[in-house]
Amino acid sequence: MGFVRVDGKDKKHKVVLYALSTCGWCRRTKELLVEEGVDHEYVDIDLCNGDEKEKLSTKARELNPRGNYPVLQVDDRVIVGYDPDKIREALA
């Protein structure tokens, strides 16, 4: 599957979301980014296969060793879980 690019008006930051298609908090994070008009990309790791899935899982674990989702990277800042206040603060 790979990354999905979502165009938004707010292009101030490099925003990457590592998510799972079955995760409600991941879904809410995607919705928040769209509502805020943030240009971003996301990947649902569980929908990937083989080497790509392993590579993306490894990257997500590097950013968040606990292994929970969503993992949102805004430039060099990492936000784990659905936290609208922290997300908006990082995007300000």
C-alpha atoms as a PDB file:
ATOM      1  CA  MET A   1       0.000   0.000   0.000  1.00  0.00           C
ATOM      2  CA  GLY A   2       2.612   2.561   1.041  1.00  0.00           C
ATOM      3  CA  PHE A   3       2.143   6.186   1.985  1.00  0.00           C
ATOM      4  CA  VAL A   4      -0.948   8.166   1.065  1.00  0.00           C
ATOM      5  CA  ARG A   5      -0.474  11.882   0.432  1.00  0.00           C
ATOM      6  CA  VAL A   6      -3.186  14.263   1.654  1.00  0.00           C
ATOM      7  CA  ASP A   7      -2.955  17.791   0.290  1.00  0.00           C
ATOM      8  CA  GLY A   8      -3.713  20.612   2.668  1.00  0.00           C
ATOM      9  CA  LYS A   9      -3.364  24.381   2.766  1.00  0.00           C
ATOM     10  CA  ASP A  10      -1.018  24.257   5.772  1.00  0.00           C
ATOM     11  CA  LYS A  11       2.361  23.203   4.395  1.00  0.00           C
ATOM     12  CA  LYS A  12       4.555  24.680   7.163  1.00  0.00           C
ATOM     13  CA  HIS A  13       5.642  21.296   8.535  1.00  0.00           C
ATOM     14  CA  LYS A  14       6.638  17.842   7.362  1.00  0.00           C
ATOM     15  CA  VAL A  15       3.887  15.676   8.850  1.00  0.00           C
ATOM     16  CA  VAL A  16       3.959  11.875   8.713  1.00  0.00           C
ATOM     17  CA  LEU A  17       1.456   9.569  10.420  1.00  0.00           C
ATOM     18  CA  TYR A  18       2.131   5.884  11.091  1.00  0.00           C
ATOM     19  CA  ALA A  19      -1.226   4.254  11.719  1.00  0.00           C
ATOM     20  CA  LEU A  20      -3.264   1.058  11.703  1.00  0.00           C
ATOM     21  CA  SER A  21      -6.445   0.802   9.639  1.00  0.00           C
ATOM     22  CA  THR A  22      -8.322  -0.773  12.566  1.00  0.00           C
ATOM     23  CA  CYS A  23      -7.295   1.854  15.144  1.00  0.00           C
ATOM     24  CA  GLY A  24      -9.991   4.340  16.142  1.00  0.00           C
ATOM     25  CA  TRP A  25      -7.435   6.804  17.531  1.00  0.00           C
ATOM     26  CA  CYS A  26      -5.521   6.629  14.246  1.00  0.00           C
ATOM     27  CA  ARG A  27      -8.727   7.411  12.380  1.00  0.00           C
ATOM     28  CA  ARG A  28      -9.415  10.394  14.625  1.00  0.00           C
ATOM     29  CA  THR A  29      -5.867  11.673  14.096  1.00  0.00           C
ATOM     30  CA  LYS A  30      -6.342  11.470  10.314  1.00  0.00           C
ATOM     31  CA  GLU A  31      -9.637  13.358  10.641  1.00  0.00           C
ATOM     32  CA  LEU A  32      -8.024  16.061  12.799  1.00  0.00           C
ATOM     33  CA  LEU A  33      -5.238  16.613  10.272  1.00  0.00           C
ATOM     34  CA  VAL A  34      -7.797  16.988   7.474  1.00  0.00           C
ATOM     35  CA  GLU A  35     -10.002  19.308   9.576  1.00  0.00           C
ATOM     36  CA  GLU A  36      -6.962  21.483  10.325  1.00  0.00           C
ATOM     37  CA  GLY A  37      -6.051  21.577   6.633  1.00  0.00           C
ATOM     38  CA  VAL A  38      -2.604  20.066   7.205  1.00  0.00           C
ATOM     39  CA  ASP A  39      -0.611  18.791   4.238  1.00  0.00           C
ATOM     40  CA  HIS A  40       0.550  15.338   5.353  1.00  0.00           C
ATOM     41  CA  GLU A  41       1.143  11.744   4.487  1.00  0.00           C
ATOM     42  CA  TYR A  42       0.073   8.605   6.314  1.00  0.00           C
ATOM     43  CA  VAL A  43       0.474   4.885   6.073  1.00  0.00           C
ATOM     44  CA  ASP A  44      -1.701   2.111   7.501  1.00  0.00           C
ATOM     45  CA  ILE A  45       1.056  -0.329   8.361  1.00  0.00           C
ATOM     46  CA  ASP A  46      -1.292  -3.298   8.771  1.00  0.00           C
ATOM     47  CA  LEU A  47      -2.351  -2.968   5.117  1.00  0.00           C
ATOM     48  CA  CYS A  48       1.232  -3.225   3.863  1.00  0.00           C
ATOM     49  CA  ASN A  49       2.922  -6.496   2.961  1.00  0.00           C
ATOM     50  CA  GLY A  50       6.275  -8.202   3.371  1.00  0.00           C
ATOM     51  CA  ASP A  51       9.403  -6.085   3.465  1.00  0.00           C
ATOM     52  CA  GLU A  52       7.478  -2.814   3.293  1.00  0.00           C
ATOM     53  CA  LYS A  53       5.428  -3.754   6.374  1.00  0.00           C
ATOM     54  CA  GLU A  54       8.554  -4.773   8.281  1.00  0.00           C
ATOM     55  CA  LYS A  55      10.418  -1.596   7.307  1.00  0.00           C
ATOM     56  CA  LEU A  56       7.530   0.668   8.333  1.00  0.00           C
ATOM     57  CA  SER A  57       6.950  -1.221  11.594  1.00  0.00           C
ATOM     58  CA  THR A  58      10.633  -0.827  12.428  1.00  0.00           C
ATOM     59  CA  LYS A  59      10.496   2.915  11.721  1.00  0.00           C
ATOM     60  CA  ALA A  60       7.399   3.331  13.903  1.00  0.00           C
ATOM     61  CA  ARG A  61       9.113   1.400  16.737  1.00  0.00           C
ATOM     62  CA  GLU A  62      12.197   3.630  16.424  1.00  0.00           C
ATOM     63  CA  LEU A  63       9.957   6.658  16.941  1.00  0.00           C
ATOM     64  CA  ASN A  64       7.912   4.961  19.673  1.00  0.00           C
ATOM     65  CA  PRO A  65       9.548   1.941  21.314  1.00  0.00           C
ATOM     66  CA  ARG A  66       6.320   1.098  23.203  1.00  0.00           C
ATOM     67  CA  GLY A  67       4.756   0.093  19.901  1.00  0.00           C
ATOM     68  CA  ASN A  68       1.389   1.775  20.295  1.00  0.00           C
ATOM     69  CA  TYR A  69      -0.407   3.840  17.651  1.00  0.00           C
ATOM     70  CA  PRO A  70      -0.902   6.380  16.195  1.00  0.00           C
ATOM     71  CA  VAL A  71       2.636   7.705  15.829  1.00  0.00           C
ATOM     72  CA  LEU A  72       2.667  11.220  14.403  1.00  0.00           C
ATOM     73  CA  GLN A  73       5.886  12.908  13.373  1.00  0.00           C
ATOM     74  CA  VAL A  74       5.745  16.685  12.940  1.00  0.00           C
ATOM     75  CA  ASP A  75       9.180  17.749  11.718  1.00  0.00           C
ATOM     76  CA  ASP A  76      11.449  16.352  14.481  1.00  0.00           C
ATOM     77  CA  ARG A  77       8.713  16.075  17.131  1.00  0.00           C
ATOM     78  CA  VAL A  78       6.944  12.770  17.808  1.00  0.00           C
ATOM     79  CA  ILE A  79       3.447  12.567  19.282  1.00  0.00           C
ATOM     80  CA  VAL A  80       2.158   9.152  20.317  1.00  0.00           C
ATOM     81  CA  GLY A  81      -1.552   8.552  20.709  1.00  0.00           C
ATOM     82  CA  TYR A  82      -4.442  10.864  19.917  1.00  0.00           C
ATOM     83  CA  ASP A  83      -3.776  14.152  21.695  1.00  0.00           C
ATOM     84  CA  PRO A  84      -5.446  17.042  19.845  1.00  0.00           C
ATOM     85  CA  ASP A  85      -3.843  19.720  22.023  1.00  0.00           C
ATOM     86  CA  LYS A  86      -0.312  18.425  21.479  1.00  0.00           C
ATOM     87  CA  ILE A  87      -0.966  17.954  17.772  1.00  0.00           C
ATOM     88  CA  ARG A  88      -2.277  21.501  17.343  1.00  0.00           C
ATOM     89  CA  GLU A  89       0.627  22.879  19.397  1.00  0.00           C
ATOM     90  CA  ALA A  90       3.159  21.071  17.189  1.00  0.00           C
ATOM     91  CA  LEU A  91       1.441  22.418  14.066  1.00  0.00           C
ATOM     92  CA  ALA A  92       1.294  26.042  15.297  1.00  0.00           C
END
